[in-house]
Amino acid sequence: MKLNILATLALLTTVSLSFPVKAENPNQIERLLQTKECPSCSLVGANLNGAHLVGADLRNANLQGANLANANLEGADLTGANLEGANLSGAFVSGTSLSAANLTNVDFTAAKLHDADVSGAVMNDIKLTDAEVFNTGISIGGEYESNDAGDVRY
């Protein structure tokens, strides 16, 4: 009998360790999606893929490792937010405040960054492959294309 219990316990432990741990807070995600307000929320690892977050208040929110791919962040306030390691590929970041935000290792692949405020933001190792960056204070070394209007594509 004890052997069966131990075998079952070992099997359950192995199975439970094979599933990824969800670090996100479902109540805060629900709050954000319904009210567009979640300042200082913990949204670590949250899946917000394709979310419509126009004008959202995410000041000082922790979005470390969050998936914001294809999200619409037009006019959102992410002042002081932690976005370290977040995926913003294909995101629309227009008129967005990223002032004093941590953008370390953020993936902006194919994102549209138009008139975004990045003053005081930490931008170590950001990925800008095929991103459109207009009137946004991001300067990098390397190759980029510019058209006659001064618009830049990385």
Protein backbone atom coordinates (compact mmCIF):
# COMPACT_ATOMS: atom_id res chain seq x y z
CA MET A 1 0.00 0.00 0.00
CA LYS A 2 2.79 2.42 0.94
CA LEU A 3 4.55 1.58 -2.32
CA ASN A 4 1.41 2.52 -4.33
CA ILE A 5 1.11 5.82 -2.48
CA LEU A 6 4.76 6.65 -3.05
CA ALA A 7 4.52 5.71 -6.74
CA THR A 8 1.39 7.86 -7.18
CA LEU A 9 3.00 10.76 -5.34
CA ALA A 10 6.13 10.51 -7.52
CA LEU A 11 4.01 10.44 -10.68
CA LEU A 12 1.93 13.45 -9.63
CA THR A 13 5.04 15.42 -8.69
CA THR A 14 6.62 14.71 -12.08
CA VAL A 15 3.45 15.66 -13.98
CA SER A 16 2.93 18.88 -12.02
CA LEU A 17 6.52 19.98 -12.66
CA SER A 18 6.11 19.59 -16.42
CA PHE A 19 3.55 22.41 -16.71
CA PRO A 20 4.77 26.02 -16.86
CA VAL A 21 4.09 28.15 -13.84
CA LYS A 22 1.78 31.10 -14.46
CA ALA A 23 3.17 34.13 -12.67
CA GLU A 24 0.45 36.46 -13.84
CA ASN A 25 -2.39 37.66 -11.65
CA PRO A 26 -5.69 36.84 -13.42
CA ASN A 27 -7.66 39.35 -11.33
CA GLN A 28 -5.35 42.20 -12.31
CA ILE A 29 -5.40 41.16 -15.98
CA GLU A 30 -9.20 41.15 -15.89
CA ARG A 31 -9.19 44.56 -14.20
CA LEU A 32 -6.84 45.95 -16.87
CA LEU A 33 -8.85 44.60 -19.78
CA GLN A 34 -12.15 45.87 -18.37
CA THR A 35 -11.16 49.28 -16.99
CA LYS A 36 -7.87 50.05 -18.82
CA GLU A 37 -6.49 51.01 -15.40
CA CYS A 38 -3.97 48.99 -13.48
CA PRO A 39 -1.24 51.26 -12.07
CA SER A 40 1.40 49.41 -10.02
CA CYS A 41 -0.14 46.06 -10.97
CA SER A 42 1.92 42.89 -11.06
CA LEU A 43 1.45 41.49 -14.55
CA VAL A 44 4.67 39.47 -14.69
CA GLY A 45 4.51 37.01 -17.58
CA ALA A 46 0.95 38.07 -18.50
CA ASN A 47 -0.36 37.06 -21.91
CA LEU A 48 -1.78 40.26 -23.39
CA ASN A 49 -1.22 39.25 -27.00
CA GLY A 50 -3.33 41.45 -29.25
CA ALA A 51 -4.86 43.34 -26.31
CA HIS A 52 -6.60 46.65 -27.02
CA LEU A 53 -5.01 48.87 -24.36
CA VAL A 54 -5.63 52.31 -25.86
CA GLY A 55 -5.14 54.93 -23.15
CA ALA A 56 -4.42 52.30 -20.48
CA ASP A 57 -2.94 53.45 -17.16
CA LEU A 58 -0.06 51.09 -16.44
CA ARG A 59 2.16 53.50 -14.52
CA ASN A 60 4.75 51.62 -12.44
CA ALA A 61 3.24 48.26 -13.44
CA ASN A 62 5.46 45.19 -13.48
CA LEU A 63 5.13 43.67 -16.95
CA GLN A 64 8.40 41.78 -16.83
CA GLY A 65 8.34 39.00 -19.43
CA ALA A 66 4.79 39.88 -20.50
CA ASN A 67 3.53 39.06 -23.99
CA LEU A 68 2.22 42.28 -25.54
CA ALA A 69 2.75 41.14 -29.13
CA ASN A 70 0.38 42.91 -31.53
CA ALA A 71 -1.12 44.93 -28.66
CA ASN A 72 -2.48 48.42 -29.27
CA LEU A 73 -0.85 50.70 -26.69
CA GLU A 74 -1.84 53.99 -28.32
CA GLY A 75 -1.84 56.75 -25.72
CA ALA A 76 -1.10 54.29 -22.89
CA ASP A 77 0.84 55.50 -19.84
CA LEU A 78 3.62 53.07 -18.91
CA THR A 79 5.67 55.65 -17.03
CA GLY A 80 8.06 53.84 -14.69
CA ALA A 81 6.82 50.41 -15.78
CA ASN A 82 9.10 47.38 -15.76
CA LEU A 83 8.93 45.77 -19.21
CA GLU A 84 12.19 43.84 -18.96
CA GLY A 85 12.14 40.91 -21.36
CA ALA A 86 8.63 41.74 -22.63
CA ASN A 87 7.50 40.88 -26.14
CA LEU A 88 6.12 43.93 -27.97
CA SER A 89 6.64 42.54 -31.45
CA GLY A 90 4.10 43.99 -33.85
CA ALA A 91 2.73 46.30 -31.14
CA PHE A 92 1.35 49.75 -31.94
CA VAL A 93 3.07 52.15 -29.56
CA SER A 94 1.84 55.60 -30.56
CA GLY A 95 1.70 58.57 -28.21
CA THR A 96 2.66 56.13 -25.48
CA SER A 97 4.60 57.20 -22.39
CA LEU A 98 7.49 54.87 -21.64
CA SER A 99 9.22 57.56 -19.61
CA ALA A 100 11.56 56.11 -16.94
CA ALA A 101 10.46 52.59 -17.95
CA ASN A 102 12.77 49.58 -17.91
CA LEU A 103 12.88 48.39 -21.53
CA THR A 104 15.86 46.05 -21.09
CA ASN A 105 15.69 43.13 -23.56
CA VAL A 106 12.31 44.24 -24.96
CA ASP A 107 11.48 42.80 -28.38
CA PHE A 108 10.07 45.57 -30.59
CA THR A 109 10.37 43.50 -33.80
CA ALA A 110 8.03 44.96 -36.46
CA ALA A 111 6.50 47.30 -33.84
CA LYS A 112 5.35 50.80 -34.72
CA LEU A 113 6.78 53.34 -32.27
CA HIS A 114 5.30 56.71 -33.19
CA ASP A 115 5.69 59.77 -30.95
CA ALA A 116 6.50 57.60 -27.93
CA ASP A 117 8.10 59.27 -24.90
CA VAL A 118 11.13 57.24 -23.85
CA SER A 119 12.83 59.96 -21.79
CA GLY A 120 14.79 58.43 -18.94
CA ALA A 121 13.98 54.87 -20.05
CA VAL A 122 16.55 52.10 -19.73
CA MET A 123 16.94 50.61 -23.20
CA ASN A 124 19.67 47.96 -22.97
CA ASP A 125 19.63 45.25 -25.63
CA ILE A 126 16.28 46.19 -27.19
CA LYS A 127 15.41 44.49 -30.46
CA LEU A 128 14.19 46.80 -33.25
CA THR A 129 14.28 44.49 -36.30
CA ASP A 130 11.86 45.86 -38.93
CA ALA A 131 10.44 48.33 -36.38
CA GLU A 132 9.12 51.71 -37.52
CA VAL A 133 10.40 54.44 -35.22
CA PHE A 134 9.03 57.96 -35.80
CA ASN A 135 9.53 60.99 -33.53
CA THR A 136 10.73 58.73 -30.73
CA GLY A 137 14.03 59.30 -28.90
CA ILE A 138 15.64 55.98 -29.73
CA SER A 139 19.04 56.17 -31.31
CA ILE A 140 21.17 53.18 -32.07
CA GLY A 141 24.30 52.36 -33.97
CA GLY A 142 24.20 50.07 -36.97
CA GLU A 143 22.27 50.08 -40.20
CA TYR A 144 18.92 51.68 -40.85
CA GLU A 145 16.94 53.02 -43.78
CA SER A 146 15.61 56.54 -44.01
CA ASN A 147 13.25 58.00 -46.57
CA ASP A 148 13.05 61.64 -47.75
CA ALA A 149 10.68 62.52 -44.91
CA GLY A 150 13.28 61.47 -42.33
CA ASP A 151 11.30 58.43 -41.21
CA VAL A 152 13.50 55.59 -39.99
CA ARG A 153 13.10 51.83 -40.31
CA TYR A 154 15.54 49.55 -38.45
